[in-house]
Amino acid sequence: MATQDEPQGGMSVREAGRRGGERVKAKYGTEFYEEIGRKGGEATKTKYGPSFYEVIGQKGGQKPKRKGDTSSS
């Protein structure tokens, strides 16, 4: 069984995602990504409130902890 980065006979999942993104960009333009990003930000603000951005802003640049990681950093 092929993993995500190892193609079995076709392209990898990563390559398919990249090519799909390039096609969307060619069809709709970069403004499309700006618009959906704005909509996603508004939906997040509505769902979690503006203070949510303060919390994630403070976490900026921190490496997420892995499940089962017992090492202290």
PDB file of N, CA and C in Angstrom:
ATOM      1  N   MET A   1       0.847  -1.176   0.000  1.00  0.00           N
ATOM      2  CA  MET A   1       0.000   0.000   0.000  1.00  0.00           C
ATOM      3  C   MET A   1       0.893   1.240   0.000  1.00  0.00           C
ATOM      4  N   ALA A   2       0.620   2.183  -0.895  1.00  0.00           N
ATOM      5  CA  ALA A   2       1.428   3.392  -1.009  1.00  0.00           C
ATOM      6  C   ALA A   2       1.042   4.393   0.077  1.00  0.00           C
ATOM      7  N   THR A   3       2.048   5.085   0.575  1.00  0.00           N
ATOM      8  CA  THR A   3       1.761   6.141   1.542  1.00  0.00           C
ATOM      9  C   THR A   3       1.446   7.429   0.796  1.00  0.00           C
ATOM     10  N   GLN A   4       1.198   8.488   1.541  1.00  0.00           N
ATOM     11  CA  GLN A   4       0.786   9.757   0.954  1.00  0.00           C
ATOM     12  C   GLN A   4       1.836  10.326  -0.005  1.00  0.00           C
ATOM     13  N   ASP A   5       3.101  10.137   0.272  1.00  0.00           N
ATOM     14  CA  ASP A   5       4.150  10.715  -0.560  1.00  0.00           C
ATOM     15  C   ASP A   5       4.770   9.718  -1.537  1.00  0.00           C
ATOM     16  N   GLU A   6       4.310   8.480  -1.526  1.00  0.00           N
ATOM     17  CA  GLU A   6       4.884   7.469  -2.396  1.00  0.00           C
ATOM     18  C   GLU A   6       3.853   7.033  -3.428  1.00  0.00           C
ATOM     19  N   PRO A   7       4.007   7.482  -4.676  1.00  0.00           N
ATOM     20  CA  PRO A   7       3.043   7.085  -5.699  1.00  0.00           C
ATOM     21  C   PRO A   7       3.142   5.597  -6.014  1.00  0.00           C
ATOM     22  N   GLN A   8       1.988   4.980  -6.244  1.00  0.00           N
ATOM     23  CA  GLN A   8       1.968   3.559  -6.564  1.00  0.00           C
ATOM     24  C   GLN A   8       2.042   3.345  -8.060  1.00  0.00           C
ATOM     25  N   GLY A   9       1.490   4.237  -8.822  1.00  0.00           N
ATOM     26  CA  GLY A   9       1.536   4.095 -10.264  1.00  0.00           C
ATOM     27  C   GLY A   9       1.156   5.405 -10.915  1.00  0.00           C
ATOM     28  N   GLY A  10       0.549   6.261 -10.150  1.00  0.00           N
ATOM     29  CA  GLY A  10       0.153   7.568 -10.641  1.00  0.00           C
ATOM     30  C   GLY A  10       0.905   8.643  -9.892  1.00  0.00           C
ATOM     31  N   MET A  11       0.205   9.703  -9.598  1.00  0.00           N
ATOM     32  CA  MET A  11       0.842  10.795  -8.862  1.00  0.00           C
ATOM     33  C   MET A  11       0.549  10.676  -7.375  1.00  0.00           C
ATOM     34  N   SER A  12       1.351  11.336  -6.573  1.00  0.00           N
ATOM     35  CA  SER A  12       1.149  11.320  -5.131  1.00  0.00           C
ATOM     36  C   SER A  12      -0.011  12.235  -4.763  1.00  0.00           C
ATOM     37  N   VAL A  13      -0.499  12.093  -3.559  1.00  0.00           N
ATOM     38  CA  VAL A  13      -1.578  12.952  -3.058  1.00  0.00           C
ATOM     39  C   VAL A  13      -1.091  14.399  -3.045  1.00  0.00           C
ATOM     40  N   ARG A  14       0.139  14.594  -2.646  1.00  0.00           N
ATOM     41  CA  ARG A  14       0.712  15.942  -2.609  1.00  0.00           C
ATOM     42  C   ARG A  14       0.710  16.567  -4.003  1.00  0.00           C
ATOM     43  N   GLU A  15       1.163  15.800  -4.992  1.00  0.00           N
ATOM     44  CA  GLU A  15       1.201  16.294  -6.368  1.00  0.00           C
ATOM     45  C   GLU A  15      -0.206  16.582  -6.890  1.00  0.00           C
ATOM     46  N   ALA A  16      -1.154  15.718  -6.592  1.00  0.00           N
ATOM     47  CA  ALA A  16      -2.538  15.936  -7.027  1.00  0.00           C
ATOM     48  C   ALA A  16      -3.104  17.211  -6.404  1.00  0.00           C
ATOM     49  N   GLY A  17      -2.820  17.438  -5.133  1.00  0.00           N
ATOM     50  CA  GLY A  17      -3.283  18.652  -4.464  1.00  0.00           C
ATOM     51  C   GLY A  17      -2.668  19.901  -5.059  1.00  0.00           C
ATOM     52  N   ARG A  18      -1.383  19.830  -5.351  1.00  0.00           N
ATOM     53  CA  ARG A  18      -0.696  20.975  -5.957  1.00  0.00           C
ATOM     54  C   ARG A  18      -1.274  21.289  -7.325  1.00  0.00           C
ATOM     55  N   ARG A  19      -1.464  20.257  -8.131  1.00  0.00           N
ATOM     56  CA  ARG A  19      -2.001  20.464  -9.478  1.00  0.00           C
ATOM     57  C   ARG A  19      -3.437  20.970  -9.434  1.00  0.00           C
ATOM     58  N   GLY A  20      -4.214  20.459  -8.490  1.00  0.00           N
ATOM     59  CA  GLY A  20      -5.586  20.938  -8.332  1.00  0.00           C
ATOM     60  C   GLY A  20      -5.623  22.403  -7.936  1.00  0.00           C
ATOM     61  N   GLY A  21      -4.754  22.782  -7.027  1.00  0.00           N
ATOM     62  CA  GLY A  21      -4.666  24.179  -6.602  1.00  0.00           C
ATOM     63  C   GLY A  21      -4.258  25.097  -7.740  1.00  0.00           C
ATOM     64  N   GLU A  22      -3.346  24.638  -8.569  1.00  0.00           N
ATOM     65  CA  GLU A  22      -2.920  25.430  -9.724  1.00  0.00           C
ATOM     66  C   GLU A  22      -4.067  25.620 -10.719  1.00  0.00           C
ATOM     67  N   ARG A  23      -4.883  24.580 -10.899  1.00  0.00           N
ATOM     68  CA  ARG A  23      -6.030  24.701 -11.818  1.00  0.00           C
ATOM     69  C   ARG A  23      -7.069  25.679 -11.293  1.00  0.00           C
ATOM     70  N   VAL A  24      -7.341  25.622  -9.990  1.00  0.00           N
ATOM     71  CA  VAL A  24      -8.299  26.558  -9.385  1.00  0.00           C
ATOM     72  C   VAL A  24      -7.777  27.982  -9.532  1.00  0.00           C
ATOM     73  N   LYS A  25      -6.490  28.166  -9.289  1.00  0.00           N
ATOM     74  CA  LYS A  25      -5.873  29.492  -9.411  1.00  0.00           C
ATOM     75  C   LYS A  25      -5.983  30.000 -10.852  1.00  0.00           C
ATOM     76  N   ALA A  26      -5.751  29.118 -11.823  1.00  0.00           N
ATOM     77  CA  ALA A  26      -5.841  29.513 -13.225  1.00  0.00           C
ATOM     78  C   ALA A  26      -7.281  29.845 -13.617  1.00  0.00           C
ATOM     79  N   LYS A  27      -8.237  29.121 -13.071  1.00  0.00           N
ATOM     80  CA  LYS A  27      -9.643  29.310 -13.443  1.00  0.00           C
ATOM     81  C   LYS A  27     -10.260  30.530 -12.765  1.00  0.00           C
ATOM     82  N   TYR A  28     -10.013  30.706 -11.448  1.00  0.00           N
ATOM     83  CA  TYR A  28     -10.684  31.743 -10.679  1.00  0.00           C
ATOM     84  C   TYR A  28      -9.795  32.927 -10.311  1.00  0.00           C
ATOM     85  N   GLY A  29      -8.481  32.766 -10.335  1.00  0.00           N
ATOM     86  CA  GLY A  29      -7.569  33.853  -9.991  1.00  0.00           C
ATOM     87  C   GLY A  29      -7.267  33.893  -8.503  1.00  0.00           C
ATOM     88  N   THR A  30      -6.289  34.703  -8.154  1.00  0.00           N
ATOM     89  CA  THR A  30      -5.857  34.790  -6.764  1.00  0.00           C
ATOM     90  C   THR A  30      -6.898  35.476  -5.883  1.00  0.00           C
ATOM     91  N   GLU A  31      -7.751  36.323  -6.498  1.00  0.00           N
ATOM     92  CA  GLU A  31      -8.795  37.000  -5.725  1.00  0.00           C
ATOM     93  C   GLU A  31      -9.743  35.996  -5.086  1.00  0.00           C
ATOM     94  N   PHE A  32      -9.943  34.862  -5.734  1.00  0.00           N
ATOM     95  CA  PHE A  32     -10.807  33.805  -5.210  1.00  0.00           C
ATOM     96  C   PHE A  32     -10.297  33.341  -3.850  1.00  0.00           C
ATOM     97  N   TYR A  33      -8.983  33.125  -3.748  1.00  0.00           N
ATOM     98  CA  TYR A  33      -8.396  32.675  -2.489  1.00  0.00           C
ATOM     99  C   TYR A  33      -8.524  33.754  -1.411  1.00  0.00           C
ATOM    100  N   GLU A  34      -8.364  35.016  -1.809  1.00  0.00           N
ATOM    101  CA  GLU A  34      -8.529  36.108  -0.857  1.00  0.00           C
ATOM    102  C   GLU A  34      -9.954  36.137  -0.311  1.00  0.00           C
ATOM    103  N   GLU A  35     -10.928  35.946  -1.206  1.00  0.00           N
ATOM    104  CA  GLU A  35     -12.331  35.989  -0.793  1.00  0.00           C
ATOM    105  C   GLU A  35     -12.686  34.835   0.143  1.00  0.00           C
ATOM    106  N   ILE A  36     -12.259  33.616  -0.195  1.00  0.00           N
ATOM    107  CA  ILE A  36     -12.610  32.495   0.678  1.00  0.00           C
ATOM    108  C   ILE A  36     -11.870  32.581   2.010  1.00  0.00           C
ATOM    109  N   GLY A  37     -10.662  33.162   2.004  1.00  0.00           N
ATOM    110  CA  GLY A  37      -9.938  33.380   3.260  1.00  0.00           C
ATOM    111  C   GLY A  37     -10.656  34.380   4.149  1.00  0.00           C
ATOM    112  N   ARG A  38     -11.161  35.429   3.542  1.00  0.00           N
ATOM    113  CA  ARG A  38     -11.910  36.445   4.292  1.00  0.00           C
ATOM    114  C   ARG A  38     -13.181  35.839   4.876  1.00  0.00           C
ATOM    115  N   LYS A  39     -13.894  35.053   4.058  1.00  0.00           N
ATOM    116  CA  LYS A  39     -15.119  34.402   4.531  1.00  0.00           C
ATOM    117  C   LYS A  39     -14.819  33.438   5.677  1.00  0.00           C
ATOM    118  N   GLY A  40     -13.735  32.700   5.554  1.00  0.00           N
ATOM    119  CA  GLY A  40     -13.352  31.775   6.619  1.00  0.00           C
ATOM    120  C   GLY A  40     -13.000  32.494   7.903  1.00  0.00           C
ATOM    121  N   GLY A  41     -12.311  33.630   7.780  1.00  0.00           N
ATOM    122  CA  GLY A  41     -11.975  34.431   8.952  1.00  0.00           C
ATOM    123  C   GLY A  41     -13.207  34.984   9.641  1.00  0.00           C
ATOM    124  N   GLU A  42     -14.173  35.444   8.846  1.00  0.00           N
ATOM    125  CA  GLU A  42     -15.421  35.957   9.414  1.00  0.00           C
ATOM    126  C   GLU A  42     -16.204  34.845  10.113  1.00  0.00           C
ATOM    127  N   ALA A  43     -16.241  33.659   9.495  1.00  0.00           N
ATOM    128  CA  ALA A  43     -16.949  32.532  10.102  1.00  0.00           C
ATOM    129  C   ALA A  43     -16.296  32.123  11.421  1.00  0.00           C
ATOM    130  N   THR A  44     -14.958  32.139  11.454  1.00  0.00           N
ATOM    131  CA  THR A  44     -14.235  31.807  12.679  1.00  0.00           C
ATOM    132  C   THR A  44     -14.522  32.834  13.765  1.00  0.00           C
ATOM    133  N   LYS A  45     -14.530  34.106  13.380  1.00  0.00           N
ATOM    134  CA  LYS A  45     -14.810  35.170  14.352  1.00  0.00           C
ATOM    135  C   LYS A  45     -16.227  35.034  14.900  1.00  0.00           C
ATOM    136  N   THR A  46     -17.180  34.690  14.028  1.00  0.00           N
ATOM    137  CA  THR A  46     -18.567  34.513  14.462  1.00  0.00           C
ATOM    138  C   THR A  46     -18.696  33.321  15.408  1.00  0.00           C
ATOM    139  N   LYS A  47     -18.007  32.253  15.078  1.00  0.00           N
ATOM    140  CA  LYS A  47     -18.122  31.019  15.867  1.00  0.00           C
ATOM    141  C   LYS A  47     -17.394  31.118  17.209  1.00  0.00           C
ATOM    142  N   TYR A  48     -16.170  31.663  17.219  1.00  0.00           N
ATOM    143  CA  TYR A  48     -15.343  31.644  18.426  1.00  0.00           C
ATOM    144  C   TYR A  48     -15.188  33.003  19.104  1.00  0.00           C
ATOM    145  N   GLY A  49     -15.529  34.081  18.423  1.00  0.00           N
ATOM    146  CA  GLY A  49     -15.394  35.413  18.998  1.00  0.00           C
ATOM    147  C   GLY A  49     -14.042  36.021  18.709  1.00  0.00           C
ATOM    148  N   PRO A  50     -13.964  37.348  18.783  1.00  0.00           N
ATOM    149  CA  PRO A  50     -12.705  38.036  18.464  1.00  0.00           C
ATOM    150  C   PRO A  50     -11.551  37.674  19.396  1.00  0.00           C
ATOM    151  N   SER A  51     -11.839  37.313  20.651  1.00  0.00           N
ATOM    152  CA  SER A  51     -10.754  36.990  21.589  1.00  0.00           C
ATOM    153  C   SER A  51      -9.996  35.732  21.173  1.00  0.00           C
ATOM    154  N   PHE A  52     -10.611  34.895  20.353  1.00  0.00           N
ATOM    155  CA  PHE A  52      -9.953  33.685  19.855  1.00  0.00           C
ATOM    156  C   PHE A  52      -8.672  34.049  19.109  1.00  0.00           C
ATOM    157  N   TYR A  53      -8.718  35.143  18.354  1.00  0.00           N
ATOM    158  CA  TYR A  53      -7.549  35.566  17.587  1.00  0.00           C
ATOM    159  C   TYR A  53      -6.410  36.018  18.502  1.00  0.00           C
ATOM    160  N   GLU A  54      -6.739  36.560  19.661  1.00  0.00           N
ATOM    161  CA  GLU A  54      -5.702  36.934  20.619  1.00  0.00           C
ATOM    162  C   GLU A  54      -4.956  35.693  21.096  1.00  0.00           C
ATOM    163  N   VAL A  55      -5.707  34.656  21.390  1.00  0.00           N
ATOM    164  CA  VAL A  55      -5.111  33.410  21.890  1.00  0.00           C
ATOM    165  C   VAL A  55      -4.217  32.780  20.827  1.00  0.00           C
ATOM    166  N   ILE A  56      -4.726  32.658  19.596  1.00  0.00           N
ATOM    167  CA  ILE A  56      -3.905  32.017  18.566  1.00  0.00           C
ATOM    168  C   ILE A  56      -2.745  32.918  18.161  1.00  0.00           C
ATOM    169  N   GLY A  57      -2.901  34.240  18.313  1.00  0.00           N
ATOM    170  CA  GLY A  57      -1.803  35.157  18.037  1.00  0.00           C
ATOM    171  C   GLY A  57      -0.663  34.979  19.018  1.00  0.00           C
ATOM    172  N   GLN A  58      -0.995  34.705  20.281  1.00  0.00           N
ATOM    173  CA  GLN A  58       0.033  34.477  21.293  1.00  0.00           C
ATOM    174  C   GLN A  58       0.754  33.155  21.062  1.00  0.00           C
ATOM    175  N   LYS A  59       0.062  32.207  20.444  1.00  0.00           N
ATOM    176  CA  LYS A  59       0.669  30.907  20.172  1.00  0.00           C
ATOM    177  C   LYS A  59       1.517  30.944  18.897  1.00  0.00           C
ATOM    178  N   GLY A  60       1.473  32.005  18.167  1.00  0.00           N
ATOM    179  CA  GLY A  60       2.178  32.100  16.892  1.00  0.00           C
ATOM    180  C   GLY A  60       3.615  31.653  16.972  1.00  0.00           C
ATOM    181  N   GLY A  61       3.998  30.780  16.087  1.00  0.00           N
ATOM    182  CA  GLY A  61       5.367  30.307  16.043  1.00  0.00           C
ATOM    183  C   GLY A  61       5.673  29.160  16.982  1.00  0.00           C
ATOM    184  N   GLN A  62       4.746  28.803  17.846  1.00  0.00           N
ATOM    185  CA  GLN A  62       4.984  27.673  18.737  1.00  0.00           C
ATOM    186  C   GLN A  62       4.745  26.373  17.990  1.00  0.00           C
ATOM    187  N   LYS A  63       5.601  25.412  18.244  1.00  0.00           N
ATOM    188  CA  LYS A  63       5.467  24.103  17.631  1.00  0.00           C
ATOM    189  C   LYS A  63       4.368  23.327  18.355  1.00  0.00           C
ATOM    190  N   PRO A  64       3.411  22.738  17.616  1.00  0.00           N
ATOM    191  CA  PRO A  64       2.356  21.975  18.282  1.00  0.00           C
ATOM    192  C   PRO A  64       2.927  20.727  18.957  1.00  0.00           C
ATOM    193  N   LYS A  65       2.319  20.351  20.067  1.00  0.00           N
ATOM    194  CA  LYS A  65       2.764  19.166  20.786  1.00  0.00           C
ATOM    195  C   LYS A  65       2.211  17.934  20.102  1.00  0.00           C
ATOM    196  N   ARG A  66       3.027  16.908  20.027  1.00  0.00           N
ATOM    197  CA  ARG A  66       2.608  15.655  19.420  1.00  0.00           C
ATOM    198  C   ARG A  66       1.937  14.783  20.456  1.00  0.00           C
ATOM    199  N   LYS A  67       1.015  13.941  20.000  1.00  0.00           N
ATOM    200  CA  LYS A  67       0.376  12.992  20.900  1.00  0.00           C
ATOM    201  C   LYS A  67       1.436  12.037  21.437  1.00  0.00           C
ATOM    202  N   GLY A  68       1.389  11.820  22.725  1.00  0.00           N
ATOM    203  CA  GLY A  68       2.306  10.861  23.338  1.00  0.00           C
ATOM    204  C   GLY A  68       3.712  11.383  23.531  1.00  0.00           C
ATOM    205  N   ASP A  69       3.969  12.641  23.219  1.00  0.00           N
ATOM    206  CA  ASP A  69       5.302  13.205  23.389  1.00  0.00           C
ATOM    207  C   ASP A  69       5.516  13.535  24.858  1.00  0.00           C
ATOM    208  N   THR A  70       6.418  12.808  25.484  1.00  0.00           N
ATOM    209  CA  THR A  70       6.671  13.003  26.912  1.00  0.00           C
ATOM    210  C   THR A  70       7.940  13.808  27.150  1.00  0.00           C
ATOM    211  N   SER A  71       8.653  14.168  26.077  1.00  0.00           N
ATOM    212  CA  SER A  71       9.881  14.931  26.264  1.00  0.00           C
ATOM    213  C   SER A  71       9.544  16.373  26.617  1.00  0.00           C
ATOM    214  N   SER A  72      10.327  16.953  27.503  1.00  0.00           N
ATOM    215  CA  SER A  72      10.101  18.347  27.860  1.00  0.00           C
ATOM    216  C   SER A  72      10.979  19.219  26.999  1.00  0.00           C
ATOM    217  N   SER A  73      10.374  20.276  26.403  1.00  0.00           N
ATOM    218  CA  SER A  73      11.154  21.121  25.499  1.00  0.00           C
ATOM    219  C   SER A  73      11.641  22.343  26.150  1.00  0.00           C
TER     220      SER A  73
END
